[in-house]
Amino acid sequence: GYWPIPSDWFWFQAQDRAMGAVAVRSSANDL
């Protein structure tokens, strides 16, 4: 089934460290 990813999973830090490659979060209204 699905694995809801915990908010403290290390991969979020890995993506934040990539910064302008992958790190933006947004919504439909903002987009």
PDB file of all heavy atoms in Angstrom:
ATOM      1  N   GLY A   1       0.828  -1.201   0.000  1.00  0.00           N
ATOM      2  CA  GLY A   1       0.000   0.000   0.000  1.00  0.00           C
ATOM      3  C   GLY A   1       0.861   1.249   0.000  1.00  0.00           C
ATOM      4  O   GLY A   1       1.986   1.258  -0.493  1.00  0.00           O
ATOM      5  N   TYR A   2       0.332   2.332   0.552  1.00  0.00           N
ATOM      6  CA  TYR A   2       1.053   3.605   0.596  1.00  0.00           C
ATOM      7  C   TYR A   2       1.860   3.713   1.885  1.00  0.00           C
ATOM      8  O   TYR A   2       1.440   3.244   2.949  1.00  0.00           O
ATOM      9  CB  TYR A   2       0.076   4.776   0.549  1.00  0.00           C
ATOM     10  CG  TYR A   2      -0.746   4.850  -0.714  1.00  0.00           C
ATOM     11  CD1 TYR A   2      -2.107   4.538  -0.694  1.00  0.00           C
ATOM     12  CD2 TYR A   2      -0.180   5.254  -1.914  1.00  0.00           C
ATOM     13  CE1 TYR A   2      -2.873   4.617  -1.843  1.00  0.00           C
ATOM     14  CE2 TYR A   2      -0.936   5.340  -3.063  1.00  0.00           C
ATOM     15  CZ  TYR A   2      -2.280   5.023  -3.028  1.00  0.00           C
ATOM     16  OH  TYR A   2      -3.024   5.104  -4.165  1.00  0.00           O
ATOM     17  N   TRP A   3       3.013   4.368   1.774  1.00  0.00           N
ATOM     18  CA  TRP A   3       3.772   4.746   2.956  1.00  0.00           C
ATOM     19  C   TRP A   3       3.743   6.262   3.060  1.00  0.00           C
ATOM     20  O   TRP A   3       4.444   6.941   2.305  1.00  0.00           O
ATOM     21  CB  TRP A   3       5.209   4.250   2.885  1.00  0.00           C
ATOM     22  CG  TRP A   3       6.009   4.563   4.126  1.00  0.00           C
ATOM     23  CD1 TRP A   3       5.678   4.250   5.412  1.00  0.00           C
ATOM     24  CD2 TRP A   3       7.271   5.248   4.186  1.00  0.00           C
ATOM     25  NE1 TRP A   3       6.651   4.689   6.276  1.00  0.00           N
ATOM     26  CE2 TRP A   3       7.638   5.299   5.555  1.00  0.00           C
ATOM     27  CE3 TRP A   3       8.122   5.798   3.251  1.00  0.00           C
ATOM     28  CZ2 TRP A   3       8.826   5.897   5.985  1.00  0.00           C
ATOM     29  CZ3 TRP A   3       9.299   6.392   3.663  1.00  0.00           C
ATOM     30  CH2 TRP A   3       9.653   6.444   5.024  1.00  0.00           C
ATOM     31  N   PRO A   4       2.904   6.835   3.954  1.00  0.00           N
ATOM     32  CA  PRO A   4       2.946   8.282   4.160  1.00  0.00           C
ATOM     33  C   PRO A   4       4.292   8.658   4.782  1.00  0.00           C
ATOM     34  O   PRO A   4       4.667   8.154   5.843  1.00  0.00           O
ATOM     35  CB  PRO A   4       1.785   8.542   5.130  1.00  0.00           C
ATOM     36  CG  PRO A   4       0.912   7.329   5.039  1.00  0.00           C
ATOM     37  CD  PRO A   4       1.855   6.192   4.765  1.00  0.00           C
ATOM     38  N   ILE A   5       5.035   9.509   4.118  1.00  0.00           N
ATOM     39  CA  ILE A   5       6.404   9.813   4.534  1.00  0.00           C
ATOM     40  C   ILE A   5       6.384  10.717   5.770  1.00  0.00           C
ATOM     41  O   ILE A   5       5.742  11.778   5.752  1.00  0.00           O
ATOM     42  CB  ILE A   5       7.178  10.478   3.389  1.00  0.00           C
ATOM     43  CG1 ILE A   5       7.288   9.502   2.204  1.00  0.00           C
ATOM     44  CG2 ILE A   5       8.550  10.924   3.845  1.00  0.00           C
ATOM     45  CD1 ILE A   5       7.932  10.100   0.977  1.00  0.00           C
ATOM     46  N   PRO A   6       7.076  10.330   6.837  1.00  0.00           N
ATOM     47  CA  PRO A   6       7.122  11.183   8.037  1.00  0.00           C
ATOM     48  C   PRO A   6       7.769  12.536   7.723  1.00  0.00           C
ATOM     49  O   PRO A   6       8.682  12.630   6.897  1.00  0.00           O
ATOM     50  CB  PRO A   6       7.975  10.376   9.015  1.00  0.00           C
ATOM     51  CG  PRO A   6       7.958   8.971   8.505  1.00  0.00           C
ATOM     52  CD  PRO A   6       7.829   9.074   7.023  1.00  0.00           C
ATOM     53  N   SER A   7       7.308  13.571   8.407  1.00  0.00           N
ATOM     54  CA  SER A   7       7.813  14.921   8.122  1.00  0.00           C
ATOM     55  C   SER A   7       9.271  15.086   8.505  1.00  0.00           C
ATOM     56  O   SER A   7       9.942  16.015   8.019  1.00  0.00           O
ATOM     57  CB  SER A   7       6.968  15.962   8.857  1.00  0.00           C
ATOM     58  OG  SER A   7       7.045  15.777  10.264  1.00  0.00           O
ATOM     59  N   ASP A   8       9.815  14.204   9.345  1.00  0.00           N
ATOM     60  CA  ASP A   8      11.222  14.311   9.733  1.00  0.00           C
ATOM     61  C   ASP A   8      12.118  13.332   8.970  1.00  0.00           C
ATOM     62  O   ASP A   8      13.273  13.120   9.351  1.00  0.00           O
ATOM     63  CB  ASP A   8      11.383  14.099  11.235  1.00  0.00           C
ATOM     64  CG  ASP A   8      10.908  12.716  11.707  1.00  0.00           C
ATOM     65  OD1 ASP A   8      10.305  11.982  10.886  1.00  0.00           O
ATOM     66  OD2 ASP A   8      11.132  12.384  12.887  1.00  0.00           O
ATOM     67  N   TRP A   9      11.609  12.725   7.909  1.00  0.00           N
ATOM     68  CA  TRP A   9      12.421  11.781   7.144  1.00  0.00           C
ATOM     69  C   TRP A   9      13.621  12.502   6.538  1.00  0.00           C
ATOM     70  O   TRP A   9      13.514  13.654   6.082  1.00  0.00           O
ATOM     71  CB  TRP A   9      11.570  11.163   6.028  1.00  0.00           C
ATOM     72  CG  TRP A   9      12.172   9.956   5.381  1.00  0.00           C
ATOM     73  CD1 TRP A   9      12.866   8.957   5.977  1.00  0.00           C
ATOM     74  CD2 TRP A   9      12.106   9.616   3.994  1.00  0.00           C
ATOM     75  NE1 TRP A   9      13.234   7.995   5.056  1.00  0.00           N
ATOM     76  CE2 TRP A   9      12.781   8.381   3.827  1.00  0.00           C
ATOM     77  CE3 TRP A   9      11.539  10.220   2.883  1.00  0.00           C
ATOM     78  CZ2 TRP A   9      12.906   7.753   2.592  1.00  0.00           C
ATOM     79  CZ3 TRP A   9      11.664   9.597   1.651  1.00  0.00           C
ATOM     80  CH2 TRP A   9      12.342   8.387   1.508  1.00  0.00           C
ATOM     81  N   PHE A  10      14.769  11.819   6.503  1.00  0.00           N
ATOM     82  CA  PHE A  10      16.013  12.472   6.102  1.00  0.00           C
ATOM     83  C   PHE A  10      15.959  13.013   4.685  1.00  0.00           C
ATOM     84  O   PHE A  10      16.669  13.966   4.334  1.00  0.00           O
ATOM     85  CB  PHE A  10      17.193  11.496   6.235  1.00  0.00           C
ATOM     86  CG  PHE A  10      17.321  10.512   5.104  1.00  0.00           C
ATOM     87  CD1 PHE A  10      18.150  10.780   4.032  1.00  0.00           C
ATOM     88  CD2 PHE A  10      16.602   9.325   5.091  1.00  0.00           C
ATOM     89  CE1 PHE A  10      18.276   9.889   2.977  1.00  0.00           C
ATOM     90  CE2 PHE A  10      16.715   8.430   4.055  1.00  0.00           C
ATOM     91  CZ  PHE A  10      17.551   8.707   2.984  1.00  0.00           C
ATOM     92  N   TRP A  11      15.099  12.421   3.818  1.00  0.00           N
ATOM     93  CA  TRP A  11      15.109  12.831   2.415  1.00  0.00           C
ATOM     94  C   TRP A  11      14.676  14.284   2.250  1.00  0.00           C
ATOM     95  O   TRP A  11      15.103  14.960   1.330  1.00  0.00           O
ATOM     96  CB  TRP A  11      14.229  11.906   1.580  1.00  0.00           C
ATOM     97  CG  TRP A  11      14.359  12.177   0.116  1.00  0.00           C
ATOM     98  CD1 TRP A  11      13.530  12.921  -0.667  1.00  0.00           C
ATOM     99  CD2 TRP A  11      15.426  11.751  -0.742  1.00  0.00           C
ATOM    100  NE1 TRP A  11      13.986  12.971  -1.961  1.00  0.00           N
ATOM    101  CE2 TRP A  11      15.159  12.260  -2.038  1.00  0.00           C
ATOM    102  CE3 TRP A  11      16.580  10.984  -0.547  1.00  0.00           C
ATOM    103  CZ2 TRP A  11      15.989  12.029  -3.112  1.00  0.00           C
ATOM    104  CZ3 TRP A  11      17.399  10.753  -1.639  1.00  0.00           C
ATOM    105  CH2 TRP A  11      17.110  11.271  -2.892  1.00  0.00           C
ATOM    106  N   PHE A  12      13.836  14.793   3.149  1.00  0.00           N
ATOM    107  CA  PHE A  12      13.447  16.192   3.051  1.00  0.00           C
ATOM    108  C   PHE A  12      14.663  17.096   3.249  1.00  0.00           C
ATOM    109  O   PHE A  12      14.810  18.117   2.576  1.00  0.00           O
ATOM    110  CB  PHE A  12      12.361  16.524   4.073  1.00  0.00           C
ATOM    111  CG  PHE A  12      11.032  15.896   3.757  1.00  0.00           C
ATOM    112  CD1 PHE A  12      10.429  15.032   4.649  1.00  0.00           C
ATOM    113  CD2 PHE A  12      10.381  16.163   2.563  1.00  0.00           C
ATOM    114  CE1 PHE A  12       9.209  14.448   4.370  1.00  0.00           C
ATOM    115  CE2 PHE A  12       9.156  15.578   2.266  1.00  0.00           C
ATOM    116  CZ  PHE A  12       8.573  14.714   3.170  1.00  0.00           C
ATOM    117  N   GLN A  13      15.522  16.736   4.177  1.00  0.00           N
ATOM    118  CA  GLN A  13      16.747  17.508   4.362  1.00  0.00           C
ATOM    119  C   GLN A  13      17.626  17.406   3.122  1.00  0.00           C
ATOM    120  O   GLN A  13      18.226  18.404   2.688  1.00  0.00           O
ATOM    121  CB  GLN A  13      17.523  17.012   5.586  1.00  0.00           C
ATOM    122  CG  GLN A  13      18.783  17.838   5.868  1.00  0.00           C
ATOM    123  CD  GLN A  13      19.598  17.281   7.010  1.00  0.00           C
ATOM    124  OE1 GLN A  13      19.978  16.099   6.988  1.00  0.00           O
ATOM    125  NE2 GLN A  13      19.876  18.101   8.013  1.00  0.00           N
ATOM    126  N   ALA A  14      17.701  16.216   2.518  1.00  0.00           N
ATOM    127  CA  ALA A  14      18.499  16.040   1.310  1.00  0.00           C
ATOM    128  C   ALA A  14      17.978  16.926   0.189  1.00  0.00           C
ATOM    129  O   ALA A  14      18.755  17.540  -0.564  1.00  0.00           O
ATOM    130  CB  ALA A  14      18.480  14.571   0.885  1.00  0.00           C
ATOM    131  N   GLN A  15      16.650  17.023   0.045  1.00  0.00           N
ATOM    132  CA  GLN A  15      16.087  17.870  -1.008  1.00  0.00           C
ATOM    133  C   GLN A  15      16.274  19.344  -0.687  1.00  0.00           C
ATOM    134  O   GLN A  15      16.533  20.155  -1.577  1.00  0.00           O
ATOM    135  CB  GLN A  15      14.606  17.518  -1.197  1.00  0.00           C
ATOM    136  CG  GLN A  15      14.447  16.144  -1.820  1.00  0.00           C
ATOM    137  CD  GLN A  15      13.020  15.689  -1.956  1.00  0.00           C
ATOM    138  OE1 GLN A  15      12.614  15.189  -2.987  1.00  0.00           O
ATOM    139  NE2 GLN A  15      12.241  15.838  -0.901  1.00  0.00           N
ATOM    140  N   ASP A  16      16.165  19.723   0.574  1.00  0.00           N
ATOM    141  CA  ASP A  16      16.414  21.112   0.947  1.00  0.00           C
ATOM    142  C   ASP A  16      17.856  21.509   0.628  1.00  0.00           C
ATOM    143  O   ASP A  16      18.121  22.646   0.226  1.00  0.00           O
ATOM    144  CB  ASP A  16      16.151  21.323   2.441  1.00  0.00           C
ATOM    145  CG  ASP A  16      14.672  21.303   2.777  1.00  0.00           C
ATOM    146  OD1 ASP A  16      13.835  21.254   1.853  1.00  0.00           O
ATOM    147  OD2 ASP A  16      14.347  21.320   3.987  1.00  0.00           O
ATOM    148  N   ARG A  17      18.778  20.580   0.811  1.00  0.00           N
ATOM    149  CA  ARG A  17      20.181  20.882   0.518  1.00  0.00           C
ATOM    150  C   ARG A  17      20.424  21.044  -0.978  1.00  0.00           C
ATOM    151  O   ARG A  17      21.380  21.696  -1.385  1.00  0.00           O
ATOM    152  CB  ARG A  17      21.070  19.771   1.089  1.00  0.00           C
ATOM    153  CG  ARG A  17      21.210  19.836   2.592  1.00  0.00           C
ATOM    154  CD  ARG A  17      22.000  18.665   3.157  1.00  0.00           C
ATOM    155  NE  ARG A  17      22.408  18.918   4.537  1.00  0.00           N
ATOM    156  CZ  ARG A  17      23.080  18.067   5.291  1.00  0.00           C
ATOM    157  NH1 ARG A  17      23.406  16.863   4.811  1.00  0.00           N
ATOM    158  NH2 ARG A  17      23.424  18.378   6.525  1.00  0.00           N
ATOM    159  N   ALA A  18      19.556  20.469  -1.792  1.00  0.00           N
ATOM    160  CA  ALA A  18      19.647  20.678  -3.244  1.00  0.00           C
ATOM    161  C   ALA A  18      19.078  22.029  -3.657  1.00  0.00           C
ATOM    162  O   ALA A  18      19.263  22.467  -4.795  1.00  0.00           O
ATOM    163  CB  ALA A  18      18.928  19.558  -3.987  1.00  0.00           C
ATOM    164  N   MET A  19      18.343  22.671  -2.784  1.00  0.00           N
ATOM    165  CA  MET A  19      17.813  24.028  -2.940  1.00  0.00           C
ATOM    166  C   MET A  19      17.101  24.225  -4.279  1.00  0.00           C
ATOM    167  O   MET A  19      16.063  23.640  -4.538  1.00  0.00           O
ATOM    168  CB  MET A  19      18.931  25.055  -2.715  1.00  0.00           C
ATOM    169  CG  MET A  19      19.452  25.055  -1.294  1.00  0.00           C
ATOM    170  SD  MET A  19      20.496  26.473  -0.875  1.00  0.00           S
ATOM    171  CE  MET A  19      21.960  26.138  -1.835  1.00  0.00           C
ATOM    172  N   GLY A  20      17.677  25.038  -5.146  1.00  0.00           N
ATOM    173  CA  GLY A  20      17.008  25.451  -6.374  1.00  0.00           C
ATOM    174  C   GLY A  20      16.811  24.371  -7.406  1.00  0.00           C
ATOM    175  O   GLY A  20      16.215  24.620  -8.463  1.00  0.00           O
ATOM    176  N   ALA A  21      17.245  23.157  -7.112  1.00  0.00           N
ATOM    177  CA  ALA A  21      16.990  22.041  -8.022  1.00  0.00           C
ATOM    178  C   ALA A  21      15.618  21.435  -7.791  1.00  0.00           C
ATOM    179  O   ALA A  21      14.945  21.042  -8.754  1.00  0.00           O
ATOM    180  CB  ALA A  21      18.071  20.972  -7.864  1.00  0.00           C
ATOM    181  N   VAL A  22      15.169  21.359  -6.513  1.00  0.00           N
ATOM    182  CA  VAL A  22      13.963  20.568  -6.227  1.00  0.00           C
ATOM    183  C   VAL A  22      13.124  21.045  -5.048  1.00  0.00           C
ATOM    184  O   VAL A  22      12.075  20.471  -4.782  1.00  0.00           O
ATOM    185  CB  VAL A  22      14.343  19.090  -5.951  1.00  0.00           C
ATOM    186  CG1 VAL A  22      14.949  18.433  -7.164  1.00  0.00           C
ATOM    187  CG2 VAL A  22      15.293  18.972  -4.752  1.00  0.00           C
ATOM    188  N   ALA A  23      13.506  22.069  -4.294  1.00  0.00           N
ATOM    189  CA  ALA A  23      13.017  22.265  -2.933  1.00  0.00           C
ATOM    190  C   ALA A  23      11.754  23.099  -2.776  1.00  0.00           C
ATOM    191  O   ALA A  23      11.228  23.194  -1.675  1.00  0.00           O
ATOM    192  CB  ALA A  23      14.117  22.881  -2.067  1.00  0.00           C
ATOM    193  N   VAL A  24      11.212  23.726  -3.813  1.00  0.00           N
ATOM    194  CA  VAL A  24      10.057  24.605  -3.637  1.00  0.00           C
ATOM    195  C   VAL A  24       8.798  23.798  -3.336  1.00  0.00           C
ATOM    196  O   VAL A  24       8.564  22.736  -3.919  1.00  0.00           O
ATOM    197  CB  VAL A  24       9.846  25.498  -4.875  1.00  0.00           C
ATOM    198  CG1 VAL A  24       8.475  26.181  -4.853  1.00  0.00           C
ATOM    199  CG2 VAL A  24      10.942  26.553  -4.953  1.00  0.00           C
ATOM    200  N   ARG A  25       7.994  24.314  -2.406  1.00  0.00           N
ATOM    201  CA  ARG A  25       6.658  23.793  -2.112  1.00  0.00           C
ATOM    202  C   ARG A  25       5.651  24.876  -2.490  1.00  0.00           C
ATOM    203  O   ARG A  25       5.872  26.064  -2.240  1.00  0.00           O
ATOM    204  CB  ARG A  25       6.479  23.471  -0.630  1.00  0.00           C
ATOM    205  CG  ARG A  25       7.194  22.193  -0.163  1.00  0.00           C
ATOM    206  CD  ARG A  25       8.651  22.363   0.084  1.00  0.00           C
ATOM    207  NE  ARG A  25       9.180  21.277   0.917  1.00  0.00           N
ATOM    208  CZ  ARG A  25      10.457  21.100   1.179  1.00  0.00           C
ATOM    209  NH1 ARG A  25      11.369  21.923   0.671  1.00  0.00           N
ATOM    210  NH2 ARG A  25      10.859  20.103   1.953  1.00  0.00           N
ATOM    211  N   SER A  26       4.510  24.483  -3.066  1.00  0.00           N
ATOM    212  CA  SER A  26       3.524  25.469  -3.467  1.00  0.00           C
ATOM    213  C   SER A  26       2.145  24.824  -3.546  1.00  0.00           C
ATOM    214  O   SER A  26       1.990  23.618  -3.347  1.00  0.00           O
ATOM    215  CB  SER A  26       3.903  26.109  -4.813  1.00  0.00           C
ATOM    216  OG  SER A  26       3.147  27.286  -5.047  1.00  0.00           O
ATOM    217  N   SER A  27       1.145  25.644  -3.846  1.00  0.00           N
ATOM    218  CA  SER A  27      -0.247  25.209  -3.929  1.00  0.00           C
ATOM    219  C   SER A  27      -0.827  25.571  -5.287  1.00  0.00           C
ATOM    220  O   SER A  27      -0.232  26.354  -6.049  1.00  0.00           O
ATOM    221  CB  SER A  27      -1.065  25.887  -2.832  1.00  0.00           C
ATOM    222  OG  SER A  27      -1.150  27.291  -3.092  1.00  0.00           O
ATOM    223  N   ALA A  28      -2.009  25.058  -5.585  1.00  0.00           N
ATOM    224  CA  ALA A  28      -2.660  25.390  -6.848  1.00  0.00           C
ATOM    225  C   ALA A  28      -2.931  26.890  -6.943  1.00  0.00           C
ATOM    226  O   ALA A  28      -2.669  27.523  -7.977  1.00  0.00           O
ATOM    227  CB  ALA A  28      -3.956  24.597  -6.991  1.00  0.00           C
ATOM    228  N   ASN A  29      -3.434  27.483  -5.864  1.00  0.00           N
ATOM    229  CA  ASN A  29      -3.721  28.914  -5.916  1.00  0.00           C
ATOM    230  C   ASN A  29      -2.456  29.743  -6.113  1.00  0.00           C
ATOM    231  O   ASN A  29      -2.444  30.699  -6.892  1.00  0.00           O
ATOM    232  CB  ASN A  29      -4.445  29.355  -4.636  1.00  0.00           C
ATOM    233  CG  ASN A  29      -5.943  29.144  -4.730  1.00  0.00           C
ATOM    234  OD1 ASN A  29      -6.540  29.313  -5.783  1.00  0.00           O
ATOM    235  ND2 ASN A  29      -6.567  28.751  -3.620  1.00  0.00           N
ATOM    236  N   ASP A  30      -1.391  29.393  -5.411  1.00  0.00           N
ATOM    237  CA  ASP A  30      -0.138  30.130  -5.595  1.00  0.00           C
ATOM    238  C   ASP A  30       0.411  29.933  -7.001  1.00  0.00           C
ATOM    239  O   ASP A  30       0.933  30.873  -7.623  1.00  0.00           O
ATOM    240  CB  ASP A  30       0.897  29.669  -4.571  1.00  0.00           C
ATOM    241  CG  ASP A  30       0.765  30.407  -3.242  1.00  0.00           C
ATOM    242  OD1 ASP A  30      -0.257  31.109  -3.047  1.00  0.00           O
ATOM    243  OD2 ASP A  30       1.668  30.272  -2.393  1.00  0.00           O
ATOM    244  N   LEU A  31       0.317  28.717  -7.534  1.00  0.00           N
ATOM    245  CA  LEU A  31       0.830  28.469  -8.877  1.00  0.00           C
ATOM    246  C   LEU A  31       0.008  29.191  -9.937  1.00  0.00           C
ATOM    247  O   LEU A  31       0.513  29.466 -11.035  1.00  0.00           O
ATOM    248  CB  LEU A  31       0.882  26.973  -9.164  1.00  0.00           C
ATOM    249  CG  LEU A  31       1.978  26.207  -8.426  1.00  0.00           C
ATOM    250  CD1 LEU A  31       1.938  24.726  -8.809  1.00  0.00           C
ATOM    251  CD2 LEU A  31       3.363  26.777  -8.702  1.00  0.00           C
TER     252      LEU A  31
END
